[in-house]
């Protein structure tokens, strides 16, 4: 993961209207367990609202699917990192 999603800004309420995935079969973003996520992530790559999509998923606890180009496992890592960072800043 090259991008740093730890400092994501405010969510644009109409982000989904500008998304690359608009009109794409939603099943692509919710693959069966063990199936490839490559095609879904390819749709997300270069999407102008990718960060908004990811932030939506993080704030709403989306447990399934590809959001903002990341899988649940990848989003879980970000959530843990944010919790750890918030604990560190409170203790500082």
N, C-alpha and C. Protein backbone atom coordinates (compact mmCIF):
# COMPACT_ATOMS: atom_id res chain seq x y z
N UNK A 1 0.85 -1.17 0.00
CA UNK A 1 0.00 0.00 0.00
C UNK A 1 0.89 1.23 0.00
N UNK A 2 0.79 2.03 -1.04
CA UNK A 2 1.65 3.20 -1.19
C UNK A 2 1.06 4.43 -0.52
N UNK A 3 -0.26 4.58 -0.56
CA UNK A 3 -0.89 5.78 -0.03
C UNK A 3 -0.94 5.74 1.49
N UNK A 4 -0.94 6.92 2.11
CA UNK A 4 -1.11 7.05 3.55
C UNK A 4 -2.53 7.51 3.79
N UNK A 5 -3.39 6.61 4.26
CA UNK A 5 -4.79 6.93 4.49
C UNK A 5 -5.04 7.35 5.94
N UNK A 6 -4.01 7.58 6.72
CA UNK A 6 -4.20 7.93 8.12
C UNK A 6 -4.69 9.36 8.32
N UNK A 7 -4.51 10.21 7.33
CA UNK A 7 -4.91 11.60 7.46
C UNK A 7 -5.96 11.96 6.43
N UNK A 8 -7.02 11.17 6.37
CA UNK A 8 -8.07 11.38 5.39
C UNK A 8 -8.95 12.55 5.83
N UNK A 9 -9.35 13.38 4.88
CA UNK A 9 -10.15 14.56 5.19
C UNK A 9 -11.63 14.27 5.32
N UNK A 10 -12.42 15.28 5.18
CA UNK A 10 -13.87 15.19 5.32
C UNK A 10 -14.47 14.45 4.13
N UNK A 11 -15.47 13.67 4.41
CA UNK A 11 -16.12 12.91 3.35
C UNK A 11 -17.05 13.81 2.54
N UNK A 12 -16.91 13.74 1.23
CA UNK A 12 -17.79 14.43 0.31
C UNK A 12 -19.08 13.61 0.24
N UNK A 13 -20.21 14.21 0.58
CA UNK A 13 -21.47 13.48 0.65
C UNK A 13 -21.87 12.84 -0.69
N UNK A 14 -21.49 13.43 -1.81
CA UNK A 14 -21.90 12.90 -3.11
C UNK A 14 -20.77 12.17 -3.81
N UNK A 15 -19.84 11.61 -3.04
CA UNK A 15 -18.68 10.96 -3.64
C UNK A 15 -19.08 9.84 -4.60
N UNK A 16 -20.11 9.11 -4.25
CA UNK A 16 -20.49 7.94 -5.06
C UNK A 16 -20.95 8.32 -6.47
N UNK A 17 -21.41 9.55 -6.66
CA UNK A 17 -21.84 9.99 -7.99
C UNK A 17 -20.67 10.16 -8.94
N UNK A 18 -19.46 10.25 -8.42
CA UNK A 18 -18.26 10.46 -9.24
C UNK A 18 -17.37 9.22 -9.29
N UNK A 19 -17.82 8.14 -8.69
CA UNK A 19 -16.99 6.94 -8.55
C UNK A 19 -16.83 6.17 -9.86
N UNK A 20 -15.64 5.60 -10.04
CA UNK A 20 -15.37 4.76 -11.22
C UNK A 20 -16.30 3.55 -11.26
N UNK A 21 -16.76 3.10 -10.11
CA UNK A 21 -17.56 1.88 -10.04
C UNK A 21 -19.04 2.12 -10.38
N UNK A 22 -19.41 3.37 -10.57
CA UNK A 22 -20.80 3.68 -10.89
C UNK A 22 -21.21 2.92 -12.15
N UNK A 23 -22.22 2.09 -12.03
CA UNK A 23 -22.69 1.31 -13.16
C UNK A 23 -22.02 -0.04 -13.33
N UNK A 24 -20.99 -0.32 -12.51
CA UNK A 24 -20.30 -1.62 -12.56
C UNK A 24 -21.07 -2.60 -11.68
N UNK A 25 -21.11 -3.86 -12.07
CA UNK A 25 -21.79 -4.89 -11.29
C UNK A 25 -21.24 -4.92 -9.87
N UNK A 26 -22.08 -4.67 -8.86
CA UNK A 26 -21.62 -4.65 -7.47
C UNK A 26 -21.00 -5.97 -7.01
N UNK A 27 -21.38 -7.08 -7.63
CA UNK A 27 -20.81 -8.38 -7.25
C UNK A 27 -19.29 -8.40 -7.42
N UNK A 28 -18.79 -7.57 -8.32
CA UNK A 28 -17.35 -7.51 -8.54
C UNK A 28 -16.63 -7.07 -7.26
N UNK A 29 -17.28 -6.23 -6.47
CA UNK A 29 -16.67 -5.67 -5.27
C UNK A 29 -16.93 -6.50 -4.02
N UNK A 30 -17.68 -7.57 -4.17
CA UNK A 30 -17.97 -8.48 -3.07
C UNK A 30 -17.70 -9.92 -3.52
N UNK A 31 -16.42 -10.20 -3.79
CA UNK A 31 -16.08 -11.53 -4.31
C UNK A 31 -16.27 -12.62 -3.25
N UNK A 32 -16.46 -13.82 -3.71
CA UNK A 32 -16.56 -14.98 -2.81
C UNK A 32 -15.26 -15.11 -2.03
N UNK A 33 -15.34 -15.70 -0.86
CA UNK A 33 -14.15 -15.92 -0.03
C UNK A 33 -13.09 -16.66 -0.84
N UNK A 34 -11.90 -16.11 -0.85
CA UNK A 34 -10.78 -16.72 -1.56
C UNK A 34 -10.66 -16.32 -3.02
N UNK A 35 -11.68 -15.64 -3.55
CA UNK A 35 -11.64 -15.21 -4.95
C UNK A 35 -10.76 -13.96 -5.08
N UNK A 36 -10.31 -13.72 -6.27
CA UNK A 36 -9.44 -12.57 -6.54
C UNK A 36 -10.17 -11.25 -6.37
N UNK A 37 -9.48 -10.27 -5.83
CA UNK A 37 -10.00 -8.91 -5.70
C UNK A 37 -9.35 -7.98 -6.72
N UNK A 38 -8.53 -8.54 -7.56
CA UNK A 38 -7.73 -7.74 -8.50
C UNK A 38 -8.58 -6.87 -9.41
N UNK A 39 -9.64 -7.43 -10.00
CA UNK A 39 -10.47 -6.65 -10.93
C UNK A 39 -11.15 -5.48 -10.23
N UNK A 40 -11.66 -5.71 -9.03
CA UNK A 40 -12.31 -4.63 -8.28
C UNK A 40 -11.31 -3.54 -7.95
N UNK A 41 -10.14 -3.94 -7.50
CA UNK A 41 -9.11 -2.96 -7.13
C UNK A 41 -8.64 -2.19 -8.36
N UNK A 42 -8.68 -2.82 -9.51
CA UNK A 42 -8.31 -2.16 -10.77
C UNK A 42 -9.30 -1.05 -11.09
N UNK A 43 -10.59 -1.29 -10.83
CA UNK A 43 -11.61 -0.26 -11.05
C UNK A 43 -11.35 0.93 -10.12
N UNK A 44 -10.95 0.63 -8.90
CA UNK A 44 -10.71 1.67 -7.89
C UNK A 44 -9.46 2.49 -8.18
N UNK A 45 -8.48 1.86 -8.81
CA UNK A 45 -7.22 2.56 -9.08
C UNK A 45 -7.50 3.79 -9.94
N UNK A 46 -7.02 4.91 -9.50
CA UNK A 46 -7.20 6.15 -10.24
C UNK A 46 -8.56 6.81 -10.06
N UNK A 47 -9.41 6.24 -9.25
CA UNK A 47 -10.73 6.83 -9.02
C UNK A 47 -10.56 8.13 -8.22
N UNK A 48 -11.25 9.17 -8.65
CA UNK A 48 -11.09 10.48 -8.01
C UNK A 48 -11.70 10.54 -6.61
N UNK A 49 -12.57 9.61 -6.28
CA UNK A 49 -13.21 9.61 -4.96
C UNK A 49 -12.79 8.40 -4.12
N UNK A 50 -11.68 7.82 -4.47
CA UNK A 50 -11.20 6.62 -3.77
C UNK A 50 -11.04 6.85 -2.26
N UNK A 51 -10.46 7.97 -1.89
CA UNK A 51 -10.24 8.25 -0.47
C UNK A 51 -11.57 8.45 0.25
N UNK A 52 -12.53 9.13 -0.39
CA UNK A 52 -13.85 9.31 0.22
C UNK A 52 -14.55 7.97 0.42
N UNK A 53 -14.44 7.11 -0.56
CA UNK A 53 -15.03 5.77 -0.48
C UNK A 53 -14.42 4.98 0.67
N UNK A 54 -13.11 5.02 0.76
CA UNK A 54 -12.42 4.32 1.83
C UNK A 54 -12.83 4.87 3.19
N UNK A 55 -12.88 6.18 3.31
CA UNK A 55 -13.24 6.79 4.59
C UNK A 55 -14.67 6.43 4.97
N UNK A 56 -15.57 6.38 4.00
CA UNK A 56 -16.94 5.95 4.25
C UNK A 56 -16.95 4.55 4.86
N UNK A 57 -16.21 3.65 4.26
CA UNK A 57 -16.15 2.27 4.75
C UNK A 57 -15.56 2.20 6.15
N UNK A 58 -14.53 2.97 6.40
CA UNK A 58 -13.90 2.96 7.73
C UNK A 58 -14.84 3.53 8.78
N UNK A 59 -15.49 4.62 8.49
CA UNK A 59 -16.39 5.25 9.45
C UNK A 59 -17.65 4.43 9.70
N UNK A 60 -18.06 3.65 8.71
CA UNK A 60 -19.29 2.87 8.84
C UNK A 60 -19.03 1.40 9.16
N UNK A 61 -17.79 1.04 9.38
CA UNK A 61 -17.47 -0.33 9.77
C UNK A 61 -17.82 -1.38 8.72
N UNK A 62 -17.67 -1.03 7.46
CA UNK A 62 -17.97 -2.00 6.40
C UNK A 62 -17.06 -3.22 6.56
N UNK A 63 -17.64 -4.37 6.72
CA UNK A 63 -16.87 -5.58 6.97
C UNK A 63 -16.66 -6.43 5.73
N UNK A 64 -17.34 -6.11 4.66
CA UNK A 64 -17.25 -6.93 3.45
C UNK A 64 -16.98 -6.06 2.24
N UNK A 65 -16.33 -6.65 1.26
CA UNK A 65 -16.16 -5.99 -0.02
C UNK A 65 -14.92 -5.13 -0.12
N UNK A 66 -14.76 -4.61 -1.33
CA UNK A 66 -13.65 -3.71 -1.65
C UNK A 66 -14.22 -2.30 -1.61
N UNK A 67 -13.61 -1.47 -0.79
CA UNK A 67 -14.01 -0.07 -0.65
C UNK A 67 -12.74 0.77 -0.75
N UNK A 68 -12.76 1.77 -1.58
CA UNK A 68 -11.58 2.62 -1.72
C UNK A 68 -10.36 1.85 -2.17
N UNK A 69 -10.57 0.74 -2.85
CA UNK A 69 -9.47 -0.06 -3.36
C UNK A 69 -8.85 -1.00 -2.33
N UNK A 70 -9.45 -1.10 -1.15
CA UNK A 70 -8.88 -1.96 -0.10
C UNK A 70 -9.87 -3.03 0.35
N UNK A 71 -9.33 -4.17 0.72
CA UNK A 71 -10.13 -5.26 1.27
C UNK A 71 -10.40 -5.02 2.75
N UNK A 72 -11.25 -5.83 3.33
CA UNK A 72 -11.54 -5.71 4.75
C UNK A 72 -10.27 -5.88 5.58
N UNK A 73 -9.45 -6.82 5.23
CA UNK A 73 -8.19 -7.04 5.96
C UNK A 73 -7.33 -5.78 5.93
N UNK A 74 -7.24 -5.15 4.77
CA UNK A 74 -6.44 -3.93 4.64
C UNK A 74 -7.06 -2.78 5.42
N UNK A 75 -8.40 -2.69 5.42
CA UNK A 75 -9.08 -1.64 6.19
C UNK A 75 -8.93 -1.88 7.68
N UNK A 76 -8.96 -3.13 8.09
CA UNK A 76 -8.79 -3.47 9.51
C UNK A 76 -7.43 -2.98 10.00
N UNK A 77 -6.41 -3.13 9.18
CA UNK A 77 -5.07 -2.67 9.52
C UNK A 77 -5.06 -1.15 9.74
N UNK A 78 -5.77 -0.41 8.89
CA UNK A 78 -5.85 1.05 9.04
C UNK A 78 -6.58 1.40 10.33
N UNK A 79 -7.68 0.71 10.61
CA UNK A 79 -8.42 1.00 11.85
C UNK A 79 -7.54 0.76 13.08
N UNK A 80 -6.80 -0.34 13.08
CA UNK A 80 -5.90 -0.62 14.22
C UNK A 80 -4.83 0.46 14.34
N UNK A 81 -4.28 0.89 13.21
CA UNK A 81 -3.26 1.93 13.21
C UNK A 81 -3.83 3.24 13.77
N UNK A 82 -5.04 3.59 13.37
CA UNK A 82 -5.66 4.82 13.87
C UNK A 82 -5.91 4.75 15.38
N UNK A 83 -6.37 3.61 15.85
CA UNK A 83 -6.59 3.45 17.29
C UNK A 83 -5.28 3.59 18.04
N UNK A 84 -4.26 2.93 17.54
CA UNK A 84 -2.95 3.01 18.18
C UNK A 84 -2.43 4.45 18.20
N UNK A 85 -2.57 5.16 17.08
CA UNK A 85 -2.12 6.54 17.00
C UNK A 85 -2.90 7.44 17.94
N UNK A 86 -4.20 7.19 18.08
CA UNK A 86 -5.00 8.03 18.98
C UNK A 86 -4.62 7.78 20.43
N UNK A 87 -4.31 6.53 20.76
CA UNK A 87 -3.85 6.23 22.12
C UNK A 87 -2.50 6.87 22.40
N UNK A 88 -1.63 6.87 21.42
CA UNK A 88 -0.31 7.48 21.58
C UNK A 88 -0.40 8.99 21.75
N UNK A 89 -1.33 9.61 21.00
CA UNK A 89 -1.45 11.08 21.11
C UNK A 89 -2.11 11.48 22.43
N UNK A 90 -2.99 10.64 22.96
CA UNK A 90 -3.62 10.93 24.25
C UNK A 90 -2.58 10.81 25.36
N UNK A 91 -1.69 9.84 25.25
CA UNK A 91 -0.68 9.61 26.26
C UNK A 91 0.49 10.57 26.19
N UNK A 92 0.58 11.36 25.12
CA UNK A 92 1.73 12.24 24.92
C UNK A 92 1.64 13.50 25.74
